[in-house]
Amino acid sequence: MTKLEFDIPKDLEFIEKVPHINWPSIIRKILKAKLDEIANIKKIVGKSKLSEEDVESFTNIINEDLSENYR
């Protein structure tokens, strides 16, 4: 099993005051969900026949349409 260590930012240090929570279990579940999401995205993107230029073109069109709708 891989071991992962990280520092808790100051704004989250309150977790030390909630000792009855199984933080490692919660963090494992969150990490697994995020990694599953990334794997699903990679699977979808891997099947795509679009080139990077196609994606950039579609992105520009969508951004232009959105900016026109929210002016």
PDB file of N, CA and C in Angstrom:
ATOM      1  N   MET A   1       0.855  -1.181   0.000  1.00  0.00           N
ATOM      2  CA  MET A   1       0.000   0.000   0.000  1.00  0.00           C
ATOM      3  C   MET A   1       0.897   1.240   0.000  1.00  0.00           C
ATOM      4  N   THR A   2       0.519   2.218  -0.797  1.00  0.00           N
ATOM      5  CA  THR A   2       1.252   3.471  -0.857  1.00  0.00           C
ATOM      6  C   THR A   2       0.857   4.352   0.310  1.00  0.00           C
ATOM      7  N   LYS A   3       1.832   5.019   0.873  1.00  0.00           N
ATOM      8  CA  LYS A   3       1.570   5.929   1.984  1.00  0.00           C
ATOM      9  C   LYS A   3       1.601   7.351   1.449  1.00  0.00           C
ATOM     10  N   LEU A   4       0.620   8.133   1.836  1.00  0.00           N
ATOM     11  CA  LEU A   4       0.503   9.511   1.401  1.00  0.00           C
ATOM     12  C   LEU A   4       0.491  10.407   2.626  1.00  0.00           C
ATOM     13  N   GLU A   5       1.384  11.366   2.651  1.00  0.00           N
ATOM     14  CA  GLU A   5       1.423  12.321   3.760  1.00  0.00           C
ATOM     15  C   GLU A   5       1.256  13.723   3.200  1.00  0.00           C
ATOM     16  N   PHE A   6       0.564  14.566   3.947  1.00  0.00           N
ATOM     17  CA  PHE A   6       0.413  15.956   3.526  1.00  0.00           C
ATOM     18  C   PHE A   6       0.200  16.826   4.748  1.00  0.00           C
ATOM     19  N   ASP A   7       0.462  18.094   4.574  1.00  0.00           N
ATOM     20  CA  ASP A   7       0.270  19.067   5.645  1.00  0.00           C
ATOM     21  C   ASP A   7      -1.152  19.593   5.598  1.00  0.00           C
ATOM     22  N   ILE A   8      -1.723  19.801   6.767  1.00  0.00           N
ATOM     23  CA  ILE A   8      -3.054  20.375   6.874  1.00  0.00           C
ATOM     24  C   ILE A   8      -2.897  21.901   6.899  1.00  0.00           C
ATOM     25  N   PRO A   9      -3.562  22.608   5.974  1.00  0.00           N
ATOM     26  CA  PRO A   9      -3.468  24.068   5.982  1.00  0.00           C
ATOM     27  C   PRO A   9      -4.077  24.649   7.259  1.00  0.00           C
ATOM     28  N   LYS A  10      -3.631  25.817   7.597  1.00  0.00           N
ATOM     29  CA  LYS A  10      -4.082  26.477   8.827  1.00  0.00           C
ATOM     30  C   LYS A  10      -5.607  26.567   8.909  1.00  0.00           C
ATOM     31  N   ASP A  11      -6.259  26.856   7.780  1.00  0.00           N
ATOM     32  CA  ASP A  11      -7.713  27.035   7.815  1.00  0.00           C
ATOM     33  C   ASP A  11      -8.464  25.721   8.046  1.00  0.00           C
ATOM     34  N   LEU A  12      -7.756  24.578   8.022  1.00  0.00           N
ATOM     35  CA  LEU A  12      -8.407  23.294   8.287  1.00  0.00           C
ATOM     36  C   LEU A  12      -7.925  22.634   9.580  1.00  0.00           C
ATOM     37  N   GLU A  13      -7.134  23.337  10.335  1.00  0.00           N
ATOM     38  CA  GLU A  13      -6.576  22.746  11.550  1.00  0.00           C
ATOM     39  C   GLU A  13      -7.628  22.439  12.615  1.00  0.00           C
ATOM     40  N   PHE A  14      -8.842  22.910  12.437  1.00  0.00           N
ATOM     41  CA  PHE A  14      -9.911  22.616  13.390  1.00  0.00           C
ATOM     42  C   PHE A  14     -10.209  21.119  13.457  1.00  0.00           C
ATOM     43  N   ILE A  15      -9.750  20.349  12.457  1.00  0.00           N
ATOM     44  CA  ILE A  15     -10.038  18.911  12.487  1.00  0.00           C
ATOM     45  C   ILE A  15      -9.395  18.233  13.694  1.00  0.00           C
ATOM     46  N   GLU A  16      -8.359  18.850  14.242  1.00  0.00           N
ATOM     47  CA  GLU A  16      -7.745  18.294  15.444  1.00  0.00           C
ATOM     48  C   GLU A  16      -8.716  18.330  16.626  1.00  0.00           C
ATOM     49  N   LYS A  17      -9.684  19.210  16.550  1.00  0.00           N
ATOM     50  CA  LYS A  17     -10.658  19.352  17.639  1.00  0.00           C
ATOM     51  C   LYS A  17     -11.854  18.416  17.470  1.00  0.00           C
ATOM     52  N   VAL A  18     -11.826  17.595  16.424  1.00  0.00           N
ATOM     53  CA  VAL A  18     -12.901  16.643  16.174  1.00  0.00           C
ATOM     54  C   VAL A  18     -12.263  15.249  16.086  1.00  0.00           C
ATOM     55  N   PRO A  19     -11.787  14.737  17.216  1.00  0.00           N
ATOM     56  CA  PRO A  19     -11.015  13.491  17.195  1.00  0.00           C
ATOM     57  C   PRO A  19     -11.835  12.227  16.932  1.00  0.00           C
ATOM     58  N   HIS A  20     -13.129  12.271  17.138  1.00  0.00           N
ATOM     59  CA  HIS A  20     -13.938  11.063  16.973  1.00  0.00           C
ATOM     60  C   HIS A  20     -14.244  10.734  15.511  1.00  0.00           C
ATOM     61  N   ILE A  21     -13.831  11.578  14.595  1.00  0.00           N
ATOM     62  CA  ILE A  21     -14.034  11.347  13.166  1.00  0.00           C
ATOM     63  C   ILE A  21     -12.859  10.525  12.627  1.00  0.00           C
ATOM     64  N   ASN A  22     -13.146   9.526  11.820  1.00  0.00           N
ATOM     65  CA  ASN A  22     -12.107   8.709  11.213  1.00  0.00           C
ATOM     66  C   ASN A  22     -11.625   9.397   9.931  1.00  0.00           C
ATOM     67  N   TRP A  23     -10.762  10.409  10.101  1.00  0.00           N
ATOM     68  CA  TRP A  23     -10.308  11.214   8.975  1.00  0.00           C
ATOM     69  C   TRP A  23      -9.615  10.394   7.887  1.00  0.00           C
ATOM     70  N   PRO A  24      -8.744   9.447   8.221  1.00  0.00           N
ATOM     71  CA  PRO A  24      -8.115   8.667   7.142  1.00  0.00           C
ATOM     72  C   PRO A  24      -9.140   7.956   6.258  1.00  0.00           C
ATOM     73  N   SER A  25     -10.179   7.419   6.850  1.00  0.00           N
ATOM     74  CA  SER A  25     -11.210   6.742   6.077  1.00  0.00           C
ATOM     75  C   SER A  25     -11.937   7.728   5.163  1.00  0.00           C
ATOM     76  N   ILE A  26     -12.271   8.879   5.682  1.00  0.00           N
ATOM     77  CA  ILE A  26     -12.968   9.900   4.894  1.00  0.00           C
ATOM     78  C   ILE A  26     -12.092  10.370   3.739  1.00  0.00           C
ATOM     79  N   ILE A  27     -10.827  10.617   4.033  1.00  0.00           N
ATOM     80  CA  ILE A  27      -9.907  11.084   2.993  1.00  0.00           C
ATOM     81  C   ILE A  27      -9.713  10.013   1.927  1.00  0.00           C
ATOM     82  N   ARG A  28      -9.623   8.734   2.318  1.00  0.00           N
ATOM     83  CA  ARG A  28      -9.518   7.654   1.341  1.00  0.00           C
ATOM     84  C   ARG A  28     -10.723   7.631   0.415  1.00  0.00           C
ATOM     85  N   LYS A  29     -11.932   7.791   0.980  1.00  0.00           N
ATOM     86  CA  LYS A  29     -13.150   7.779   0.159  1.00  0.00           C
ATOM     87  C   LYS A  29     -13.180   8.952  -0.815  1.00  0.00           C
ATOM     88  N   ILE A  30     -12.787  10.131  -0.341  1.00  0.00           N
ATOM     89  CA  ILE A  30     -12.763  11.315  -1.206  1.00  0.00           C
ATOM     90  C   ILE A  30     -11.730  11.129  -2.316  1.00  0.00           C
ATOM     91  N   LEU A  31     -10.554  10.639  -1.958  1.00  0.00           N
ATOM     92  CA  LEU A  31      -9.495  10.424  -2.933  1.00  0.00           C
ATOM     93  C   LEU A  31      -9.916   9.387  -3.971  1.00  0.00           C
ATOM     94  N   LYS A  32     -10.542   8.294  -3.529  1.00  0.00           N
ATOM     95  CA  LYS A  32     -11.005   7.266  -4.459  1.00  0.00           C
ATOM     96  C   LYS A  32     -12.048   7.825  -5.417  1.00  0.00           C
ATOM     97  N   ALA A  33     -12.980   8.613  -4.901  1.00  0.00           N
ATOM     98  CA  ALA A  33     -14.014   9.200  -5.755  1.00  0.00           C
ATOM     99  C   ALA A  33     -13.388  10.113  -6.810  1.00  0.00           C
ATOM    100  N   LYS A  34     -12.410  10.912  -6.415  1.00  0.00           N
ATOM    101  CA  LYS A  34     -11.761  11.830  -7.357  1.00  0.00           C
ATOM    102  C   LYS A  34     -10.954  11.057  -8.395  1.00  0.00           C
ATOM    103  N   LEU A  35     -10.240  10.016  -7.966  1.00  0.00           N
ATOM    104  CA  LEU A  35      -9.462   9.212  -8.908  1.00  0.00           C
ATOM    105  C   LEU A  35     -10.379   8.448  -9.870  1.00  0.00           C
ATOM    106  N   ASP A  36     -11.532   7.973  -9.386  1.00  0.00           N
ATOM    107  CA  ASP A  36     -12.515   7.322 -10.266  1.00  0.00           C
ATOM    108  C   ASP A  36     -13.027   8.312 -11.304  1.00  0.00           C
ATOM    109  N   GLU A  37     -13.278   9.538 -10.876  1.00  0.00           N
ATOM    110  CA  GLU A  37     -13.752  10.585 -11.788  1.00  0.00           C
ATOM    111  C   GLU A  37     -12.701  10.858 -12.873  1.00  0.00           C
ATOM    112  N   ILE A  38     -11.449  10.959 -12.472  1.00  0.00           N
ATOM    113  CA  ILE A  38     -10.362  11.197 -13.429  1.00  0.00           C
ATOM    114  C   ILE A  38     -10.253  10.023 -14.405  1.00  0.00           C
ATOM    115  N   ALA A  39     -10.342   8.799 -13.896  1.00  0.00           N
ATOM    116  CA  ALA A  39     -10.266   7.611 -14.762  1.00  0.00           C
ATOM    117  C   ALA A  39     -11.407   7.614 -15.777  1.00  0.00           C
ATOM    118  N   ASN A  40     -12.611   7.980 -15.343  1.00  0.00           N
ATOM    119  CA  ASN A  40     -13.757   8.037 -16.264  1.00  0.00           C
ATOM    120  C   ASN A  40     -13.554   9.094 -17.338  1.00  0.00           C
ATOM    121  N   ILE A  41     -13.029  10.242 -16.948  1.00  0.00           N
ATOM    122  CA  ILE A  41     -12.771  11.308 -17.918  1.00  0.00           C
ATOM    123  C   ILE A  41     -11.728  10.845 -18.930  1.00  0.00           C
ATOM    124  N   LYS A  42     -10.663  10.188 -18.438  1.00  0.00           N
ATOM    125  CA  LYS A  42      -9.625   9.696 -19.351  1.00  0.00           C
ATOM    126  C   LYS A  42     -10.192   8.650 -20.311  1.00  0.00           C
ATOM    127  N   LYS A  43     -11.111   7.813 -19.828  1.00  0.00           N
ATOM    128  CA  LYS A  43     -11.718   6.806 -20.676  1.00  0.00           C
ATOM    129  C   LYS A  43     -12.543   7.473 -21.781  1.00  0.00           C
ATOM    130  N   ILE A  44     -13.301   8.491 -21.427  1.00  0.00           N
ATOM    131  CA  ILE A  44     -14.128   9.212 -22.405  1.00  0.00           C
ATOM    132  C   ILE A  44     -13.239   9.928 -23.414  1.00  0.00           C
ATOM    133  N   VAL A  45     -12.238  10.624 -22.915  1.00  0.00           N
ATOM    134  CA  VAL A  45     -11.346  11.381 -23.792  1.00  0.00           C
ATOM    135  C   VAL A  45     -10.560  10.440 -24.698  1.00  0.00           C
ATOM    136  N   GLY A  46     -10.198   9.279 -24.181  1.00  0.00           N
ATOM    137  CA  GLY A  46      -9.447   8.307 -24.976  1.00  0.00           C
ATOM    138  C   GLY A  46     -10.221   7.803 -26.177  1.00  0.00           C
ATOM    139  N   LYS A  47     -11.532   7.823 -26.100  1.00  0.00           N
ATOM    140  CA  LYS A  47     -12.372   7.367 -27.212  1.00  0.00           C
ATOM    141  C   LYS A  47     -12.664   8.490 -28.206  1.00  0.00           C
ATOM    142  N   SER A  48     -12.320   9.711 -27.862  1.00  0.00           N
ATOM    143  CA  SER A  48     -12.639  10.862 -28.702  1.00  0.00           C
ATOM    144  C   SER A  48     -11.816  10.856 -29.982  1.00  0.00           C
ATOM    145  N   LYS A  49     -12.435  11.244 -31.071  1.00  0.00           N
ATOM    146  CA  LYS A  49     -11.747  11.353 -32.347  1.00  0.00           C
ATOM    147  C   LYS A  49     -11.436  12.815 -32.672  1.00  0.00           C
ATOM    148  N   LEU A  50     -11.707  13.693 -31.716  1.00  0.00           N
ATOM    149  CA  LEU A  50     -11.438  15.114 -31.935  1.00  0.00           C
ATOM    150  C   LEU A  50      -9.953  15.410 -31.743  1.00  0.00           C
ATOM    151  N   SER A  51      -9.462  16.326 -32.554  1.00  0.00           N
ATOM    152  CA  SER A  51      -8.081  16.781 -32.374  1.00  0.00           C
ATOM    153  C   SER A  51      -8.078  17.907 -31.336  1.00  0.00           C
ATOM    154  N   GLU A  52      -6.897  18.275 -30.895  1.00  0.00           N
ATOM    155  CA  GLU A  52      -6.810  19.386 -29.936  1.00  0.00           C
ATOM    156  C   GLU A  52      -7.327  20.674 -30.560  1.00  0.00           C
ATOM    157  N   GLU A  53      -7.092  20.821 -31.870  1.00  0.00           N
ATOM    158  CA  GLU A  53      -7.579  22.019 -32.565  1.00  0.00           C
ATOM    159  C   GLU A  53      -9.105  22.050 -32.589  1.00  0.00           C
ATOM    160  N   ASP A  54      -9.733  20.876 -32.792  1.00  0.00           N
ATOM    161  CA  ASP A  54     -11.192  20.790 -32.775  1.00  0.00           C
ATOM    162  C   ASP A  54     -11.732  21.213 -31.404  1.00  0.00           C
ATOM    163  N   VAL A  55     -11.117  20.686 -30.367  1.00  0.00           N
ATOM    164  CA  VAL A  55     -11.563  20.998 -29.010  1.00  0.00           C
ATOM    165  C   VAL A  55     -11.404  22.487 -28.741  1.00  0.00           C
ATOM    166  N   GLU A  56     -10.274  23.060 -29.143  1.00  0.00           N
ATOM    167  CA  GLU A  56     -10.055  24.488 -28.926  1.00  0.00           C
ATOM    168  C   GLU A  56     -11.075  25.322 -29.690  1.00  0.00           C
ATOM    169  N   SER A  57     -11.394  24.913 -30.902  1.00  0.00           N
ATOM    170  CA  SER A  57     -12.390  25.618 -31.707  1.00  0.00           C
ATOM    171  C   SER A  57     -13.759  25.579 -31.041  1.00  0.00           C
ATOM    172  N   PHE A  58     -14.171  24.381 -30.590  1.00  0.00           N
ATOM    173  CA  PHE A  58     -15.461  24.253 -29.896  1.00  0.00           C
ATOM    174  C   PHE A  58     -15.480  25.075 -28.612  1.00  0.00           C
ATOM    175  N   THR A  59     -14.376  25.067 -27.903  1.00  0.00           N
ATOM    176  CA  THR A  59     -14.286  25.833 -26.655  1.00  0.00           C
ATOM    177  C   THR A  59     -14.464  27.314 -26.931  1.00  0.00           C
ATOM    178  N   ASN A  60     -13.826  27.810 -27.972  1.00  0.00           N
ATOM    179  CA  ASN A  60     -13.958  29.226 -28.320  1.00  0.00           C
ATOM    180  C   ASN A  60     -15.399  29.571 -28.695  1.00  0.00           C
ATOM    181  N   ILE A  61     -16.036  28.712 -29.470  1.00  0.00           N
ATOM    182  CA  ILE A  61     -17.439  28.947 -29.874  1.00  0.00           C
ATOM    183  C   ILE A  61     -18.336  28.979 -28.643  1.00  0.00           C
ATOM    184  N   ILE A  62     -18.159  28.026 -27.748  1.00  0.00           N
ATOM    185  CA  ILE A  62     -18.982  27.962 -26.531  1.00  0.00           C
ATOM    186  C   ILE A  62     -18.747  29.201 -25.670  1.00  0.00           C
ATOM    187  N   ASN A  63     -17.481  29.584 -25.503  1.00  0.00           N
ATOM    188  CA  ASN A  63     -17.172  30.764 -24.689  1.00  0.00           C
ATOM    189  C   ASN A  63     -17.787  32.033 -25.279  1.00  0.00           C
ATOM    190  N   GLU A  64     -17.727  32.166 -26.597  1.00  0.00           N
ATOM    191  CA  GLU A  64     -18.336  33.331 -27.244  1.00  0.00           C
ATOM    192  C   GLU A  64     -19.844  33.353 -27.027  1.00  0.00           C
ATOM    193  N   ASP A  65     -20.502  32.202 -27.206  1.00  0.00           N
ATOM    194  CA  ASP A  65     -21.941  32.133 -27.014  1.00  0.00           C
ATOM    195  C   ASP A  65     -22.307  32.466 -25.556  1.00  0.00           C
ATOM    196  N   LEU A  66     -21.544  31.922 -24.618  1.00  0.00           N
ATOM    197  CA  LEU A  66     -21.830  32.208 -23.202  1.00  0.00           C
ATOM    198  C   LEU A  66     -21.638  33.684 -22.884  1.00  0.00           C
ATOM    199  N   SER A  67     -20.581  34.271 -23.428  1.00  0.00           N
ATOM    200  CA  SER A  67     -20.344  35.683 -23.126  1.00  0.00           C
ATOM    201  C   SER A  67     -21.441  36.560 -23.708  1.00  0.00           C
ATOM    202  N   GLU A  68     -21.998  36.171 -24.867  1.00  0.00           N
ATOM    203  CA  GLU A  68     -23.100  36.931 -25.462  1.00  0.00           C
ATOM    204  C   GLU A  68     -24.364  36.789 -24.607  1.00  0.00           C
ATOM    205  N   ASN A  69     -24.591  35.612 -24.042  1.00  0.00           N
ATOM    206  CA  ASN A  69     -25.788  35.381 -23.232  1.00  0.00           C
ATOM    207  C   ASN A  69     -25.741  36.106 -21.909  1.00  0.00           C
ATOM    208  N   TYR A  70     -24.563  36.400 -21.401  1.00  0.00           N
ATOM    209  CA  TYR A  70     -24.448  36.990 -20.071  1.00  0.00           C
ATOM    210  C   TYR A  70     -23.934  38.434 -20.113  1.00  0.00           C
ATOM    211  N   ARG A  71     -24.158  39.110 -21.198  1.00  0.00           N
ATOM    212  CA  ARG A  71     -23.764  40.536 -21.271  1.00  0.00           C
ATOM    213  C   ARG A  71     -24.810  41.391 -20.684  1.00  0.00           C
TER     214      ARG A  71
END
